[in-house]
Protein backbone atom coordinates (compact mmCIF):
# COMPACT_ATOMS: atom_id res chain seq x y z
CA MET A 1 -34.35 5.54 47.08
CA MET A 2 -35.32 3.45 44.16
CA ARG A 3 -34.77 0.28 45.91
CA GLY A 4 -37.08 1.39 48.58
CA SER A 5 -39.92 2.03 46.44
CA MET A 6 -39.41 -1.37 44.78
CA THR A 7 -39.46 -3.04 48.04
CA LEU A 8 -42.32 -1.24 49.22
CA GLY A 9 -44.03 -2.22 45.85
CA ALA A 10 -43.22 -5.96 46.45
CA SER A 11 -44.84 -5.63 49.99
CA ALA A 12 -48.06 -3.81 48.14
CA ALA A 13 -48.23 -6.75 46.20
CA THR A 14 -47.83 -9.29 48.87
CA VAL A 15 -50.82 -7.30 50.52
CA LEU A 16 -52.80 -7.64 47.62
CA ALA A 17 -52.43 -11.10 46.96
CA VAL A 18 -53.31 -12.11 50.73
CA VAL A 19 -56.74 -9.59 50.05
CA VAL A 20 -57.39 -11.71 46.87
CA ALA A 21 -56.80 -14.74 48.33
CA VAL A 22 -59.37 -13.91 51.45
CA SER A 23 -61.84 -11.93 49.29
CA VAL A 24 -63.02 -14.40 46.49
CA ASP A 25 -65.83 -16.29 47.07
CA TRP A 26 -64.22 -20.11 47.23
CA ARG A 27 -67.56 -21.78 45.86
CA VAL A 28 -67.00 -19.87 42.63
CA VAL A 29 -63.26 -20.92 42.79
CA GLU A 30 -64.23 -24.43 42.73
CA ASP A 31 -67.12 -24.56 40.11
CA ALA A 32 -64.94 -21.50 37.65
CA VAL A 33 -61.23 -22.49 37.84
CA GLY A 34 -60.38 -24.62 40.89
CA PRO A 35 -57.99 -24.67 43.34
CA VAL A 36 -54.97 -25.82 41.39
CA GLU A 37 -55.32 -23.28 38.69
CA PHE A 38 -56.18 -20.64 41.17
CA GLY A 39 -52.54 -21.69 43.23
CA LEU A 40 -51.06 -21.46 39.66
CA PHE A 41 -52.48 -17.81 39.51
CA LEU A 42 -50.96 -16.53 42.63
CA MET A 43 -47.85 -18.16 41.49
CA VAL A 44 -47.47 -15.72 38.02
CA GLY A 45 -47.95 -13.05 40.42
CA ALA A 46 -45.41 -13.93 42.64
CA VAL A 47 -42.82 -14.60 39.98
CA PHE A 48 -43.46 -11.11 38.17
CA VAL A 49 -43.12 -9.44 41.50
CA GLY A 50 -40.09 -11.57 42.53
CA ALA A 51 -38.10 -10.78 39.20
CA GLY A 52 -39.12 -6.97 39.22
CA LEU A 53 -37.25 -6.82 42.42
CA VAL A 54 -34.38 -8.91 41.34
CA ALA A 55 -34.12 -6.56 37.95
CA GLY A 56 -34.95 -3.54 40.19
CA TRP A 57 -31.98 -4.15 42.54
CA HIS A 58 -29.57 -4.58 39.61
CA ARG A 59 -30.61 -2.11 37.10
CA PRO A 60 -32.21 0.76 39.41
CA ARG A 61 -31.86 3.61 36.87
CA ASP A 62 -34.39 2.22 34.59
CA SER A 63 -38.32 1.08 34.40
CA LEU A 64 -37.57 -2.57 34.15
CA GLY A 65 -37.87 -3.62 37.56
CA TRP A 66 -40.98 -1.42 37.87
CA LEU A 67 -42.71 -2.67 34.68
CA LEU A 68 -42.40 -6.49 36.11
CA VAL A 69 -43.84 -5.23 39.43
CA VAL A 70 -46.79 -3.60 38.06
CA ALA A 71 -47.35 -6.24 35.68
CA GLY A 72 -47.75 -8.41 38.61
CA VAL A 73 -49.95 -6.28 40.57
CA LEU A 74 -52.32 -6.09 37.90
CA TRP A 75 -52.01 -9.62 37.51
CA LEU A 76 -53.33 -10.25 41.04
CA THR A 77 -56.16 -7.61 40.58
CA LYS A 78 -57.68 -10.22 38.12
CA GLY A 79 -58.23 -12.41 40.78
CA PHE A 80 -61.16 -10.39 42.22
CA ARG A 81 -63.29 -11.49 39.51
CA LEU A 82 -63.89 -14.26 41.83
CA ALA A 83 -65.20 -12.37 44.64
CA GLY A 84 -68.70 -11.68 45.77
CA VAL A 85 -68.38 -8.22 46.76
CA PRO A 86 -69.70 -5.82 44.07
CA VAL A 87 -66.67 -3.22 43.93
CA LEU A 88 -64.03 -5.98 44.07
CA PHE A 89 -65.54 -7.92 41.07
CA THR A 90 -66.20 -4.89 39.36
CA GLY A 91 -62.80 -3.79 39.64
CA GLY A 92 -61.21 -7.01 38.94
CA VAL A 93 -63.13 -7.40 35.56
CA LEU A 94 -62.13 -3.54 34.76
CA LEU A 95 -58.28 -4.31 35.44
CA THR A 96 -58.20 -7.82 34.01
CA ASN A 97 -56.15 -7.30 30.76
CA MET A 98 -54.28 -4.22 31.82
CA TYR A 99 -51.23 -6.04 32.65
CA VAL A 100 -51.11 -6.75 28.66
CA PRO A 101 -49.66 -3.32 27.75
CA VAL A 102 -47.71 -3.36 30.42
CA LEU A 103 -45.95 -6.23 29.20
CA ILE A 104 -45.84 -4.52 25.41
CA GLN A 105 -44.34 -1.70 26.85
CA LEU A 106 -41.71 -4.37 28.45
CA VAL A 107 -41.01 -5.94 25.19
CA LEU A 108 -40.50 -2.56 23.41
CA SER A 109 -38.01 -1.26 25.94
CA PHE A 110 -36.00 -4.27 26.50
CA PRO A 111 -33.04 -4.28 26.59
CA TRP A 112 -32.67 -0.55 27.02
CA GLY A 113 -35.16 -0.26 29.94
CA ARG A 114 -36.84 2.43 28.09
CA LEU A 115 -39.19 3.59 25.08
CA ARG A 116 -36.33 5.35 22.71
CA HIS A 117 -38.85 6.68 19.97
CA ARG A 118 -42.00 8.80 19.89
CA TRP A 119 -43.96 6.38 17.98
CA GLU A 120 -43.17 3.69 20.86
CA ARG A 121 -44.63 5.90 23.20
CA ARG A 122 -47.84 6.78 21.18
CA PHE A 123 -48.42 2.91 20.51
CA VAL A 124 -48.04 1.65 24.06
CA GLY A 125 -49.99 4.49 24.93
CA GLY A 126 -52.83 3.38 22.65
CA CYS A 127 -52.58 0.06 24.05
CA TYR A 128 -53.09 1.12 27.56
CA VAL A 129 -56.51 3.11 25.95
CA TYR A 130 -57.55 0.31 24.22
CA SER A 131 -57.28 -2.47 27.02
CA ALA A 132 -59.24 -0.07 29.19
CA VAL A 133 -62.02 1.25 26.54
CA SER A 134 -62.72 -1.92 25.40
CA VAL A 135 -63.24 -3.76 29.31
CA VAL A 136 -65.50 -0.88 30.05
CA SER A 137 -67.76 -0.97 27.11
CA GLU A 138 -67.97 -5.02 27.66
CA LEU A 139 -68.71 -4.43 31.18
CA ALA A 140 -71.81 -2.23 30.13
CA PHE A 141 -73.38 -5.27 28.88
CA LEU A 142 -71.91 -8.09 31.13
CA GLY A 143 -74.79 -9.70 32.91
CA PRO A 144 -74.82 -12.34 35.63
CA GLY A 145 -75.95 -14.85 33.13
CA SER A 146 -72.96 -13.93 30.51
CA LEU A 147 -70.33 -15.09 33.11
CA THR A 148 -68.80 -18.79 32.80
CA PRO A 149 -70.13 -20.29 35.26
CA PRO A 150 -73.42 -18.51 35.66
CA ARG A 151 -73.31 -16.45 38.92
CA PRO A 152 -76.92 -14.83 39.35
CA ALA A 153 -75.71 -13.29 42.74
CA THR A 154 -72.80 -11.11 41.14
CA VAL A 155 -73.62 -7.55 40.93
CA ASN A 156 -71.41 -5.53 38.19
CA LEU A 157 -71.66 -2.02 38.98
CA LEU A 158 -71.07 -0.86 35.52
CA LEU A 159 -73.71 -2.49 33.88
CA VAL A 160 -76.03 -0.60 31.60
CA ARG A 161 -78.19 -3.59 30.56
CA ASP A 162 -77.69 -7.40 30.30
CA ASP A 163 -77.06 -7.90 26.76
CA PRO A 164 -75.23 -11.17 25.66
CA ALA A 165 -75.47 -10.26 21.99
CA MET A 166 -74.28 -7.22 22.13
CA PHE A 167 -71.47 -8.28 24.84
CA ARG A 168 -70.12 -11.11 22.27
CA ALA A 169 -69.82 -8.72 19.53
CA LEU A 170 -68.05 -6.24 21.36
CA GLN A 171 -65.58 -8.91 22.37
CA VAL A 172 -65.39 -9.73 18.47
CA GLY A 173 -64.77 -6.55 17.41
CA TRP A 174 -62.18 -5.59 20.11
CA GLY A 175 -60.79 -9.36 19.49
CA VAL A 176 -60.15 -7.61 15.80
CA VAL A 177 -58.44 -4.77 17.03
CA GLY A 178 -56.27 -6.56 19.31
CA VAL A 179 -55.25 -8.92 16.67
CA VAL A 180 -54.05 -5.96 14.41
CA MET A 181 -52.05 -4.46 17.53
CA SER A 182 -50.65 -7.80 17.72
CA VAL A 183 -49.54 -7.93 14.16
CA VAL A 184 -48.11 -4.84 14.08
CA LEU A 185 -46.02 -5.60 17.24
CA ILE A 186 -45.04 -9.28 15.57
CA GLY A 187 -43.92 -6.96 12.92
CA VAL A 188 -41.64 -4.39 14.91
CA VAL A 189 -40.11 -7.35 17.02
CA ALA A 190 -39.24 -9.18 13.40
CA ALA A 191 -37.66 -6.08 12.04
CA ARG A 192 -35.83 -5.52 14.70
CA TRP A 193 -34.33 -8.83 14.94
CA ARG A 194 -33.65 -8.82 11.05
CA SER A 195 -31.52 -5.26 11.55
CA GLY A 196 -30.06 -6.19 15.04
CA SER A 197 -26.48 -7.31 15.61
CA ARG A 198 -25.73 -10.29 17.36
CA ALA A 199 -25.37 -8.57 20.70
CA TYR A 200 -29.02 -7.39 20.46
CA ARG A 201 -30.34 -10.71 19.20
CA ALA A 202 -28.60 -12.22 22.32
CA ALA A 203 -29.80 -9.85 24.62
CA VAL A 204 -33.67 -9.72 23.53
CA ALA A 205 -33.96 -13.57 22.48
CA PRO A 206 -34.56 -15.19 25.76
CA LEU A 207 -37.81 -12.76 26.16
CA TRP A 208 -39.24 -13.04 22.91
CA PHE A 209 -38.92 -16.44 23.02
CA ALA A 210 -41.04 -16.19 26.33
CA VAL A 211 -43.28 -13.83 24.94
CA LEU A 212 -44.16 -16.17 21.72
CA ILE A 213 -44.65 -18.90 24.10
CA GLY A 214 -47.02 -17.11 26.52
CA THR A 215 -48.86 -15.63 23.20
CA ALA A 216 -49.34 -19.19 22.01
CA ALA A 217 -50.79 -20.51 25.42
CA THR A 218 -53.06 -17.73 25.65
CA PHE A 219 -54.68 -18.04 22.43
CA TRP A 220 -54.71 -21.53 22.97
CA THR A 221 -57.01 -21.18 25.85
CA PRO A 222 -60.09 -20.04 24.00
CA LEU A 223 -59.60 -22.70 21.10
CA ALA A 224 -58.87 -25.38 23.70
CA SER A 225 -62.28 -24.71 25.20
CA VAL A 226 -64.30 -25.30 22.09
CA TRP A 227 -62.26 -28.33 20.44
CA VAL A 228 -60.63 -30.12 23.76
CA HIS A 229 -63.30 -32.61 25.22
CA GLY A 230 -62.53 -34.83 28.34
CA PRO A 231 -60.72 -34.45 31.49
CA GLN A 232 -57.99 -36.34 29.93
CA TYR A 233 -57.04 -33.02 28.12
CA ALA A 234 -58.03 -30.23 30.92
CA TRP A 235 -54.61 -29.56 31.77
CA THR A 236 -53.87 -28.06 28.69
CA LEU A 237 -55.48 -25.18 29.70
CA LEU A 238 -53.29 -24.70 32.67
CA LEU A 239 -50.10 -24.43 30.57
CA ARG A 240 -50.78 -20.28 29.99
CA TYR A 241 -50.08 -19.84 33.80
CA PRO A 242 -46.39 -21.34 33.52
CA SER A 243 -45.64 -20.12 30.16
CA THR A 244 -46.75 -16.49 31.47
CA ALA A 245 -44.30 -16.90 34.07
CA LEU A 246 -41.46 -17.40 31.71
CA ILE A 247 -41.72 -13.74 30.64
CA PRO A 248 -40.06 -12.55 33.98
CA LEU A 249 -37.64 -15.51 34.14
CA ALA A 250 -36.63 -14.54 30.78
CA VAL A 251 -35.55 -11.14 31.74
CA LEU A 252 -33.53 -12.65 34.82
CA VAL A 253 -31.72 -14.91 32.48
CA GLY A 254 -30.73 -11.91 30.28
CA LEU A 255 -29.33 -10.40 33.90
CA TRP A 256 -27.78 -13.30 34.82
CA ARG A 257 -26.30 -13.21 31.14
CA TYR A 258 -24.75 -9.85 31.70
CA ARG A 259 -23.47 -10.68 35.03
CA VAL A 260 -21.42 -13.87 33.61
CA ALA A 261 -19.63 -11.31 31.45
CA ARG A 262 -18.76 -9.02 34.21
CA VAL A 263 -17.26 -11.78 35.93
CA GLU A 264 -15.15 -12.33 32.57
CA VAL A 265 -14.24 -8.78 32.33
CA ARG A 266 -12.80 -8.67 35.98
CA GLU A 267 -10.68 -11.93 35.31
CA LEU A 268 -9.63 -9.94 32.14
CA MET A 269 -8.36 -7.07 34.08
CA ILE A 270 -6.35 -9.41 36.31
CA GLU A 271 -4.74 -11.05 33.35
CA ILE A 272 -3.80 -7.75 31.57
CA GLY A 273 -0.59 -6.84 33.55
CA ALA A 274 1.76 -4.91 31.26
CA ALA A 275 0.39 -6.55 27.89
CA PRO A 276 -0.31 -4.41 25.26
CA VAL A 277 -3.91 -4.51 23.43
CA GLY A 278 -3.71 -6.80 20.95
CA ASP A 279 -6.45 -9.47 19.15
CA GLY A 280 -6.66 -11.84 21.61
CA PHE A 281 -7.51 -8.86 24.39
CA VAL A 282 -10.64 -7.31 22.23
CA GLU A 283 -11.74 -10.88 21.14
CA THR A 284 -12.01 -11.63 24.63
CA ILE A 285 -14.15 -8.49 25.47
CA ARG A 286 -16.07 -9.41 22.42
CA ARG A 287 -16.81 -12.67 23.72
CA ALA A 288 -17.73 -11.53 27.01
CA LEU A 289 -20.28 -8.87 25.51
CA ARG A 290 -21.40 -11.22 22.46
CA ASP A 291 -20.47 -8.10 20.61
CA PRO A 292 -18.38 -9.10 17.41
CA GLY A 293 -18.22 -5.75 16.09
CA LEU A 294 -16.72 -4.26 19.45
CA ASP A 295 -13.63 -2.26 18.66
CA VAL A 296 -10.49 -0.47 20.60
CA TRP A 297 -9.28 2.71 19.45
CA ALA A 298 -5.97 4.21 20.47
CA PHE A 299 -5.95 8.26 20.85
CA SER A 300 -3.03 9.63 18.92
CA ARG A 301 -1.54 12.69 20.08
CA THR A 302 0.38 13.35 16.93
CA ARG A 303 -2.92 13.21 14.87
CA GLU A 304 -5.03 14.39 17.17
CA GLY A 305 -7.54 11.80 16.72
CA TYR A 306 -8.62 8.40 17.14
CA VAL A 307 -6.68 5.31 15.47
CA ASP A 308 -7.80 1.47 14.94
CA ALA A 309 -5.03 -1.14 15.42
CA GLN A 310 -3.89 -0.55 11.81
CA GLY A 311 -3.27 2.91 12.48
CA ARG A 312 -6.26 4.08 10.43
CA PRO A 313 -8.18 7.37 11.50
CA GLN A 314 -11.18 6.74 13.13
CA VAL A 315 -14.48 9.07 13.76
CA LEU A 316 -16.61 8.60 16.90
CA PRO A 317 -20.07 7.29 15.81
CA HIS A 318 -22.73 9.62 15.16
CA ARG A 319 -26.03 9.75 16.94
CA ASP A 320 -28.14 7.29 14.75
CA ASP A 321 -25.31 5.26 14.29
CA PRO A 322 -26.10 1.63 15.78
CA ARG A 323 -22.87 2.02 17.46
CA ALA A 324 -22.01 3.78 20.67
CA ALA A 325 -18.61 4.87 21.90
CA THR A 326 -17.15 5.80 25.14
CA ALA A 327 -14.17 7.82 25.65
CA LEU A 328 -11.16 5.96 27.75
CA LYS A 329 -9.11 8.05 30.79
CA ARG A 330 -6.33 6.86 32.61
CA ASP A 331 -5.48 9.23 35.28
CA GLY A 332 -7.57 11.73 33.45
CA VAL A 333 -5.68 11.34 30.41
CA LEU A 334 -7.21 10.36 27.23
CA VAL A 335 -5.97 7.11 26.00
CA GLY A 336 -8.80 5.81 23.23
CA ALA A 337 -12.29 4.91 22.88
CA LEU A 338 -14.31 1.87 23.33
CA VAL A 339 -16.87 1.15 20.11
CA TYR A 340 -19.54 -1.12 20.79
CA ASP A 341 -23.18 -2.14 19.67
CA LYS A 342 -25.80 -0.28 21.63
CA ALA A 343 -27.58 -3.03 22.59
CA VAL A 344 -25.11 -3.45 25.30
CA ALA A 345 -25.04 0.26 26.39
CA ASP A 346 -28.18 -0.56 28.64
CA GLN A 347 -25.56 -2.58 31.05
CA PRO A 348 -23.83 0.76 32.53
CA ARG A 349 -21.74 -1.49 35.05
CA LEU A 350 -20.74 -3.93 32.41
CA ILE A 351 -19.52 -1.08 30.33
CA ALA A 352 -17.70 0.42 33.09
CA ALA A 353 -15.86 -2.49 33.84
CA VAL A 354 -15.09 -3.13 30.32
CA ARG A 355 -13.94 0.70 30.08
CA ALA A 356 -11.51 0.37 33.02
CA ALA A 357 -10.00 -3.04 31.78
CA THR A 358 -9.59 -1.35 28.25
CA ALA A 359 -8.25 1.80 29.55
CA LEU A 360 -5.71 0.13 31.70
CA ALA A 361 -4.89 -1.92 28.73
CA LEU A 362 -4.18 1.14 26.50
CA ASP A 363 -2.40 3.11 29.01
CA ASP A 364 -0.01 0.21 29.51
CA SER A 365 0.40 -0.17 26.00
CA ARG A 366 1.07 3.58 25.76
CA LEU A 367 3.57 3.79 28.32
CA HIS A 368 5.53 0.60 26.28
CA ARG A 369 5.59 2.52 23.30
CA GLU A 370 6.85 5.55 25.07
CA LEU A 371 9.79 3.46 27.09
CA GLU A 372 10.76 1.57 23.77
CA ALA A 373 10.86 5.07 22.05
CA GLN A 374 13.11 6.38 24.79
CA ARG A 375 15.22 3.62 24.72
CA ALA A 376 15.70 3.64 21.16
CA GLU A 377 16.34 7.25 21.11
CA VAL A 378 19.01 6.49 23.80
CA ARG A 379 20.52 3.69 21.30
CA ARG A 380 20.78 6.44 18.58
CA SER A 381 22.69 9.15 20.89
CA ARG A 382 25.10 6.01 21.86
CA SER A 383 25.39 5.19 18.54
CA ALA A 384 26.06 8.75 17.41
CA GLY A 385 28.50 9.48 20.20
CA ARG A 386 30.63 6.73 19.53
CA LYS A 387 30.65 7.53 15.68
CA SER A 388 31.93 11.22 16.62
CA VAL A 389 34.72 9.54 18.65
């Protein structure tokens, strides 16, 4: 069902891209952006939607794929700013920045695929409100003469008064608010990076690097329009398009990394055989998940609880603990627990593969211990029998 909805969303994005290409005023395209930049613009939207399809196919249970598709659709609606039809032009300008809060939600919800705290939902909701209100207020004073290049024939349906001074003042004011929100987001990202484990950093590093590059390129555009002179440097203004396309590609890199990890785990299952759980086994799983703190605990029936490799009693992590745990069962029998960083808990299929491999190894180790105990008991019985004779 979810995958069918993702396909429907991709189809809608394709239709939207065609409508944008057909409805734009190509004279405005030539004067304002040029065909190369317009082509790069469409490319970015296609990359977002394509990456969203891949993410939705591999992770249909969370919103990661949908966020990418929605970001791509909203990005494409920006193209209507080049349309000559008043309704399309007004709608394109109105939605021009709405893809930004979608990306903010993506950053805060990655790699879990959802917002986990109330303050995150409030912050993201504030970003959506900010993006909508700021553009509506600016549109009220955006006349044809304030456009670059000026377009006297363009009609802004939300225009109250053509006031370039007020329009620029609102841009500056809302820009300051945007900078404050960006600082808050950067602070949250930095705090998470500092307190996060190696597994968490490995999961988010590609996306955060891409967002950093995309943000830098976006800020460079208005600066370059003032500082850069001469056609030999004009190509730098196009850097914001490939840098923005890095964001969905970074998400796919994270998915690919987990796919490689699943392959390693499957190969590990083949190699287990009847080998007991040892340091080499646990280290292999740690490397596959990039989680050096991962541990495997056996369930002791004599102690009615979990014990680590040294036989020390262990208690499952509580809800606020940075680690998570999943019970390991073999044929319905509890054999142990897998303890890992919560940063890898967003990959249920990967955890399922690790759980299956570890449960098999623990069960084999349990059977091996029971067999050795039986053999020792038989040897003791025989020894006692010979002594009695």
